[in-house]
Amino acid sequence: QVQVVESGGGLVQPGGSLRLSCVVSTSVEEFETMGMSWYRQAPGQQRELVAELSRLGRRDYSEFAKGRFTISRDNSKNTAYLQMNSLKLEGTAVYYCLAAGIFWGQGTQVTVSP
C-alpha cells in the first residue's frame, strides 16, 4: 500500500521560509510516473490547491503561490518538495501532499505568526 508522509512544517514569522517534504513509499519506477501536488486547508476553509508537478515536469501554481512557492521533486528519493518563501499570515494551514491524484498524506501544520 502506498503511503505518503509530509514533514517540514512548523512555526515561522511573516516573511520567513519553510521547505516541506513529501516521501512516497513506493518503487522509484512507480514514483517517476506519479504527478505530485500540494494542497492546504486553513481553519474553517476548504482544502485548496497550492501547486502541482506532473511526471513530465510541468509546474502549475495557484495565484497566491506564484513567485513565492516552488514545487520540485527528487525521483531518486521518492520525495516531492514545496519551498515556501515570503510567507504571509494567511499561509497558516495544514499542508497536504497528494501523490498520483489519489494518495493523500496526513498533512503537516504550518503556522505563520509574529
N, C-alpha and C. Protein backbone atom coordinates (compact mmCIF):
# COMPACT_ATOMS: atom_id res chain seq x y z
N GLN A 1 0.84 -1.19 0.00
CA GLN A 1 0.00 0.00 0.00
C GLN A 1 0.88 1.24 0.00
N VAL A 2 0.55 2.19 -0.84
CA VAL A 2 1.34 3.42 -0.93
C VAL A 2 1.04 4.30 0.27
N GLN A 3 2.09 4.77 0.90
CA GLN A 3 1.96 5.73 2.00
C GLN A 3 2.64 7.03 1.63
N VAL A 4 2.05 8.12 2.07
CA VAL A 4 2.57 9.45 1.80
C VAL A 4 2.78 10.15 3.14
N VAL A 5 3.99 10.64 3.37
CA VAL A 5 4.32 11.25 4.65
C VAL A 5 4.93 12.62 4.42
N GLU A 6 4.27 13.64 4.95
CA GLU A 6 4.78 15.01 4.86
C GLU A 6 5.58 15.36 6.11
N SER A 7 6.50 16.29 5.94
CA SER A 7 7.26 16.82 7.07
C SER A 7 7.75 18.21 6.71
N GLY A 8 8.26 18.90 7.72
CA GLY A 8 8.86 20.21 7.47
C GLY A 8 8.03 21.39 7.93
N GLY A 9 6.82 21.12 8.40
CA GLY A 9 6.01 22.23 8.89
C GLY A 9 6.54 22.78 10.19
N GLY A 10 5.94 23.87 10.62
CA GLY A 10 6.36 24.47 11.88
C GLY A 10 5.86 25.89 12.00
N LEU A 11 6.44 26.59 12.97
CA LEU A 11 6.08 27.98 13.24
C LEU A 11 7.11 28.89 12.57
N VAL A 12 6.63 29.86 11.83
CA VAL A 12 7.53 30.78 11.13
C VAL A 12 6.94 32.18 11.18
N GLN A 13 7.79 33.18 11.20
CA GLN A 13 7.32 34.57 11.21
C GLN A 13 6.92 35.00 9.80
N PRO A 14 6.07 35.99 9.70
CA PRO A 14 5.75 36.53 8.37
C PRO A 14 7.02 36.95 7.64
N GLY A 15 7.08 36.59 6.36
CA GLY A 15 8.27 36.87 5.58
C GLY A 15 9.29 35.76 5.59
N GLY A 16 9.08 34.79 6.45
CA GLY A 16 10.02 33.69 6.57
C GLY A 16 9.80 32.62 5.52
N SER A 17 10.61 31.56 5.63
CA SER A 17 10.59 30.47 4.66
C SER A 17 10.49 29.11 5.35
N LEU A 18 9.91 28.17 4.64
CA LEU A 18 9.89 26.78 5.07
C LEU A 18 9.99 25.91 3.83
N ARG A 19 10.56 24.72 4.00
CA ARG A 19 10.55 23.74 2.94
C ARG A 19 9.86 22.48 3.44
N LEU A 20 8.79 22.14 2.78
CA LEU A 20 8.05 20.93 3.11
C LEU A 20 8.54 19.77 2.25
N SER A 21 8.53 18.59 2.84
CA SER A 21 8.93 17.38 2.11
C SER A 21 7.78 16.38 2.13
N CYS A 22 7.74 15.56 1.09
CA CYS A 22 6.71 14.54 0.96
C CYS A 22 7.37 13.28 0.43
N VAL A 23 7.42 12.26 1.26
CA VAL A 23 8.03 10.99 0.88
C VAL A 23 6.94 9.99 0.56
N VAL A 24 7.09 9.33 -0.56
CA VAL A 24 6.11 8.35 -1.02
C VAL A 24 6.73 6.96 -0.96
N SER A 25 6.07 6.06 -0.25
CA SER A 25 6.59 4.70 -0.09
C SER A 25 6.17 3.84 -1.27
N THR A 26 6.99 3.86 -2.29
CA THR A 26 6.74 3.05 -3.47
C THR A 26 8.07 2.86 -4.18
N SER A 27 8.04 2.14 -5.27
CA SER A 27 9.29 1.96 -6.00
C SER A 27 9.67 3.25 -6.72
N VAL A 28 10.95 3.39 -7.01
CA VAL A 28 11.39 4.57 -7.76
C VAL A 28 10.70 4.62 -9.11
N GLU A 29 10.56 3.45 -9.72
CA GLU A 29 9.94 3.40 -11.05
C GLU A 29 8.49 3.88 -11.00
N GLU A 30 7.78 3.48 -9.95
CA GLU A 30 6.39 3.93 -9.84
C GLU A 30 6.33 5.41 -9.50
N PHE A 31 7.19 5.86 -8.59
CA PHE A 31 7.18 7.27 -8.21
C PHE A 31 7.40 8.16 -9.42
N GLU A 32 8.26 7.75 -10.32
CA GLU A 32 8.53 8.55 -11.51
C GLU A 32 7.29 8.76 -12.38
N THR A 33 6.31 7.89 -12.26
CA THR A 33 5.10 8.01 -13.06
C THR A 33 4.03 8.87 -12.39
N MET A 34 4.32 9.28 -11.17
CA MET A 34 3.29 9.99 -10.39
C MET A 34 3.37 11.50 -10.56
N GLY A 35 2.22 12.11 -10.81
CA GLY A 35 2.13 13.54 -10.63
C GLY A 35 2.03 13.84 -9.14
N MET A 36 2.62 14.93 -8.70
CA MET A 36 2.64 15.28 -7.29
C MET A 36 2.01 16.66 -7.10
N SER A 37 1.26 16.79 -6.02
CA SER A 37 0.58 18.05 -5.75
C SER A 37 0.68 18.39 -4.27
N TRP A 38 0.60 19.67 -3.99
CA TRP A 38 0.47 20.16 -2.61
C TRP A 38 -0.84 20.93 -2.50
N TYR A 39 -1.56 20.65 -1.42
CA TYR A 39 -2.80 21.35 -1.08
C TYR A 39 -2.64 21.93 0.32
N ARG A 40 -3.53 22.81 0.66
CA ARG A 40 -3.56 23.32 2.03
C ARG A 40 -5.00 23.54 2.46
N GLN A 41 -5.19 23.48 3.76
CA GLN A 41 -6.51 23.69 4.34
C GLN A 41 -6.36 24.54 5.59
N ALA A 42 -6.88 25.75 5.51
CA ALA A 42 -6.85 26.65 6.65
C ALA A 42 -8.06 26.37 7.54
N PRO A 43 -8.01 26.76 8.80
CA PRO A 43 -9.14 26.51 9.70
C PRO A 43 -10.44 27.08 9.15
N GLY A 44 -11.47 26.24 9.09
CA GLY A 44 -12.77 26.69 8.63
C GLY A 44 -12.89 26.88 7.13
N GLN A 45 -11.83 26.50 6.40
CA GLN A 45 -11.82 26.69 4.95
C GLN A 45 -11.76 25.34 4.23
N GLN A 46 -12.09 25.38 2.96
CA GLN A 46 -11.96 24.17 2.15
C GLN A 46 -10.51 23.95 1.75
N ARG A 47 -10.19 22.72 1.49
CA ARG A 47 -8.85 22.39 1.01
C ARG A 47 -8.68 22.98 -0.39
N GLU A 48 -7.50 23.59 -0.62
CA GLU A 48 -7.26 24.22 -1.90
C GLU A 48 -5.90 23.84 -2.45
N LEU A 49 -5.81 23.85 -3.77
CA LEU A 49 -4.57 23.52 -4.43
C LEU A 49 -3.53 24.61 -4.23
N VAL A 50 -2.31 24.20 -3.97
CA VAL A 50 -1.20 25.14 -3.86
C VAL A 50 -0.35 25.07 -5.13
N ALA A 51 0.08 23.85 -5.45
CA ALA A 51 0.96 23.67 -6.61
C ALA A 51 0.93 22.22 -7.05
N GLU A 52 1.24 22.00 -8.31
CA GLU A 52 1.32 20.64 -8.81
C GLU A 52 2.46 20.49 -9.81
N LEU A 53 2.99 19.29 -9.84
CA LEU A 53 4.14 19.00 -10.68
C LEU A 53 3.87 17.67 -11.37
N SER A 54 3.77 17.72 -12.70
CA SER A 54 3.46 16.49 -13.43
C SER A 54 4.70 15.60 -13.51
N ARG A 55 4.49 14.38 -13.92
CA ARG A 55 5.61 13.45 -14.05
C ARG A 55 6.57 13.89 -15.14
N LEU A 56 6.09 14.73 -16.05
CA LEU A 56 6.94 15.23 -17.13
C LEU A 56 7.59 16.56 -16.78
N GLY A 57 7.31 17.08 -15.58
CA GLY A 57 7.98 18.28 -15.13
C GLY A 57 7.22 19.57 -15.28
N ARG A 58 5.96 19.49 -15.70
CA ARG A 58 5.18 20.71 -15.82
C ARG A 58 4.74 21.17 -14.43
N ARG A 59 4.93 22.43 -14.16
CA ARG A 59 4.55 23.03 -12.87
C ARG A 59 3.38 23.99 -13.05
N ASP A 60 2.44 23.93 -12.14
CA ASP A 60 1.34 24.88 -12.10
C ASP A 60 1.15 25.34 -10.66
N TYR A 61 0.84 26.61 -10.50
CA TYR A 61 0.69 27.20 -9.18
C TYR A 61 -0.62 27.95 -9.09
N SER A 62 -1.20 27.94 -7.90
CA SER A 62 -2.31 28.81 -7.64
C SER A 62 -1.79 30.24 -7.59
N GLU A 63 -2.69 31.20 -7.81
CA GLU A 63 -2.25 32.59 -7.91
C GLU A 63 -1.49 33.04 -6.67
N PHE A 64 -1.96 32.63 -5.49
CA PHE A 64 -1.31 33.11 -4.27
C PHE A 64 0.09 32.54 -4.10
N ALA A 65 0.40 31.46 -4.83
CA ALA A 65 1.70 30.81 -4.67
C ALA A 65 2.72 31.27 -5.72
N LYS A 66 2.25 31.86 -6.78
CA LYS A 66 3.16 32.24 -7.86
C LYS A 66 4.19 33.26 -7.39
N GLY A 67 5.44 32.99 -7.72
CA GLY A 67 6.52 33.90 -7.37
C GLY A 67 7.07 33.72 -5.97
N ARG A 68 6.38 32.94 -5.13
CA ARG A 68 6.85 32.75 -3.75
C ARG A 68 7.10 31.28 -3.42
N PHE A 69 6.35 30.40 -4.03
CA PHE A 69 6.46 28.97 -3.73
C PHE A 69 7.06 28.24 -4.94
N THR A 70 7.80 27.17 -4.65
CA THR A 70 8.37 26.35 -5.71
C THR A 70 8.16 24.88 -5.39
N ILE A 71 7.57 24.16 -6.32
CA ILE A 71 7.40 22.72 -6.17
C ILE A 71 8.50 22.02 -6.96
N SER A 72 9.03 20.97 -6.36
CA SER A 72 10.09 20.22 -7.04
C SER A 72 10.01 18.77 -6.59
N ARG A 73 10.86 17.94 -7.19
CA ARG A 73 10.88 16.53 -6.82
C ARG A 73 12.27 15.96 -7.03
N ASP A 74 12.57 14.95 -6.24
CA ASP A 74 13.80 14.18 -6.40
C ASP A 74 13.37 12.72 -6.55
N ASN A 75 13.35 12.24 -7.77
CA ASN A 75 12.86 10.89 -8.03
C ASN A 75 13.73 9.82 -7.37
N SER A 76 15.01 10.12 -7.19
CA SER A 76 15.89 9.13 -6.57
C SER A 76 15.58 8.92 -5.09
N LYS A 77 14.84 9.87 -4.52
CA LYS A 77 14.48 9.78 -3.10
C LYS A 77 12.98 9.61 -2.90
N ASN A 78 12.24 9.42 -3.96
CA ASN A 78 10.78 9.30 -3.87
C ASN A 78 10.18 10.47 -3.09
N THR A 79 10.69 11.66 -3.33
CA THR A 79 10.32 12.81 -2.50
C THR A 79 9.95 14.01 -3.36
N ALA A 80 8.89 14.67 -2.95
CA ALA A 80 8.50 15.95 -3.53
C ALA A 80 8.68 17.02 -2.46
N TYR A 81 8.91 18.24 -2.92
CA TYR A 81 9.18 19.35 -2.00
C TYR A 81 8.28 20.54 -2.34
N LEU A 82 8.07 21.36 -1.33
CA LEU A 82 7.43 22.65 -1.54
C LEU A 82 8.25 23.68 -0.78
N GLN A 83 8.96 24.50 -1.53
CA GLN A 83 9.71 25.60 -0.93
C GLN A 83 8.79 26.81 -0.85
N MET A 84 8.61 27.32 0.34
CA MET A 84 7.71 28.45 0.55
C MET A 84 8.52 29.63 1.09
N ASN A 85 8.53 30.71 0.34
CA ASN A 85 9.23 31.93 0.75
C ASN A 85 8.23 33.06 0.96
N SER A 86 8.68 34.08 1.67
CA SER A 86 7.84 35.26 1.91
C SER A 86 6.46 34.86 2.42
N LEU A 87 6.45 34.01 3.42
CA LEU A 87 5.18 33.52 3.95
C LEU A 87 4.37 34.64 4.58
N LYS A 88 3.06 34.53 4.40
CA LYS A 88 2.14 35.52 4.93
C LYS A 88 1.28 34.88 6.03
N LEU A 89 0.63 35.72 6.81
CA LEU A 89 -0.21 35.21 7.89
C LEU A 89 -1.26 34.22 7.37
N GLU A 90 -1.79 34.52 6.19
CA GLU A 90 -2.83 33.65 5.63
C GLU A 90 -2.28 32.32 5.12
N GLY A 91 -0.99 32.14 5.23
CA GLY A 91 -0.40 30.86 4.88
C GLY A 91 -0.55 29.82 5.97
N THR A 92 -1.10 30.22 7.11
CA THR A 92 -1.33 29.28 8.19
C THR A 92 -2.37 28.25 7.76
N ALA A 93 -1.96 26.99 7.77
CA ALA A 93 -2.84 25.92 7.29
C ALA A 93 -2.16 24.58 7.53
N VAL A 94 -2.92 23.52 7.34
CA VAL A 94 -2.33 22.20 7.23
C VAL A 94 -2.05 21.96 5.75
N TYR A 95 -0.82 21.58 5.46
CA TYR A 95 -0.40 21.36 4.08
C TYR A 95 -0.36 19.86 3.82
N TYR A 96 -1.01 19.47 2.72
CA TYR A 96 -1.14 18.06 2.37
C TYR A 96 -0.44 17.78 1.04
N CYS A 97 0.13 16.60 0.96
CA CYS A 97 0.72 16.12 -0.28
C CYS A 97 -0.22 15.09 -0.90
N LEU A 98 -0.35 15.17 -2.21
CA LEU A 98 -1.17 14.22 -2.95
C LEU A 98 -0.31 13.59 -4.03
N ALA A 99 -0.25 12.28 -4.02
CA ALA A 99 0.54 11.54 -5.00
C ALA A 99 -0.36 10.83 -5.99
N ALA A 100 -0.07 10.98 -7.24
CA ALA A 100 -0.80 10.30 -8.32
C ALA A 100 -2.28 10.61 -8.32
N GLY A 101 -2.64 11.69 -7.71
CA GLY A 101 -4.04 12.10 -7.70
C GLY A 101 -4.94 11.32 -6.79
N ILE A 102 -4.37 10.36 -6.03
CA ILE A 102 -5.22 9.52 -5.20
C ILE A 102 -4.68 9.24 -3.81
N PHE A 103 -3.39 9.37 -3.60
CA PHE A 103 -2.81 9.02 -2.30
C PHE A 103 -2.50 10.28 -1.50
N TRP A 104 -3.22 10.46 -0.40
CA TRP A 104 -3.05 11.64 0.45
C TRP A 104 -2.18 11.31 1.65
N GLY A 105 -1.41 12.32 2.07
CA GLY A 105 -0.72 12.21 3.33
C GLY A 105 -1.60 12.74 4.45
N GLN A 106 -1.05 12.70 5.67
CA GLN A 106 -1.79 13.16 6.84
C GLN A 106 -1.67 14.65 7.05
N GLY A 107 -0.75 15.27 6.38
CA GLY A 107 -0.61 16.72 6.49
C GLY A 107 0.45 17.15 7.48
N THR A 108 0.93 18.36 7.29
CA THR A 108 1.89 18.97 8.20
C THR A 108 1.45 20.41 8.46
N GLN A 109 1.47 20.79 9.73
CA GLN A 109 0.95 22.10 10.13
C GLN A 109 1.99 23.18 9.86
N VAL A 110 1.55 24.24 9.22
CA VAL A 110 2.36 25.45 9.03
C VAL A 110 1.64 26.60 9.71
N THR A 111 2.32 27.25 10.62
CA THR A 111 1.75 28.39 11.32
C THR A 111 2.63 29.60 11.08
N VAL A 112 2.02 30.64 10.53
CA VAL A 112 2.73 31.89 10.28
C VAL A 112 2.23 32.91 11.29
N SER A 113 3.13 33.33 12.16
CA SER A 113 2.73 34.19 13.25
C SER A 113 3.91 35.07 13.67
N PRO A 114 3.63 36.34 14.08
CA PRO A 114 4.73 37.22 14.52
C PRO A 114 5.42 36.67 15.77
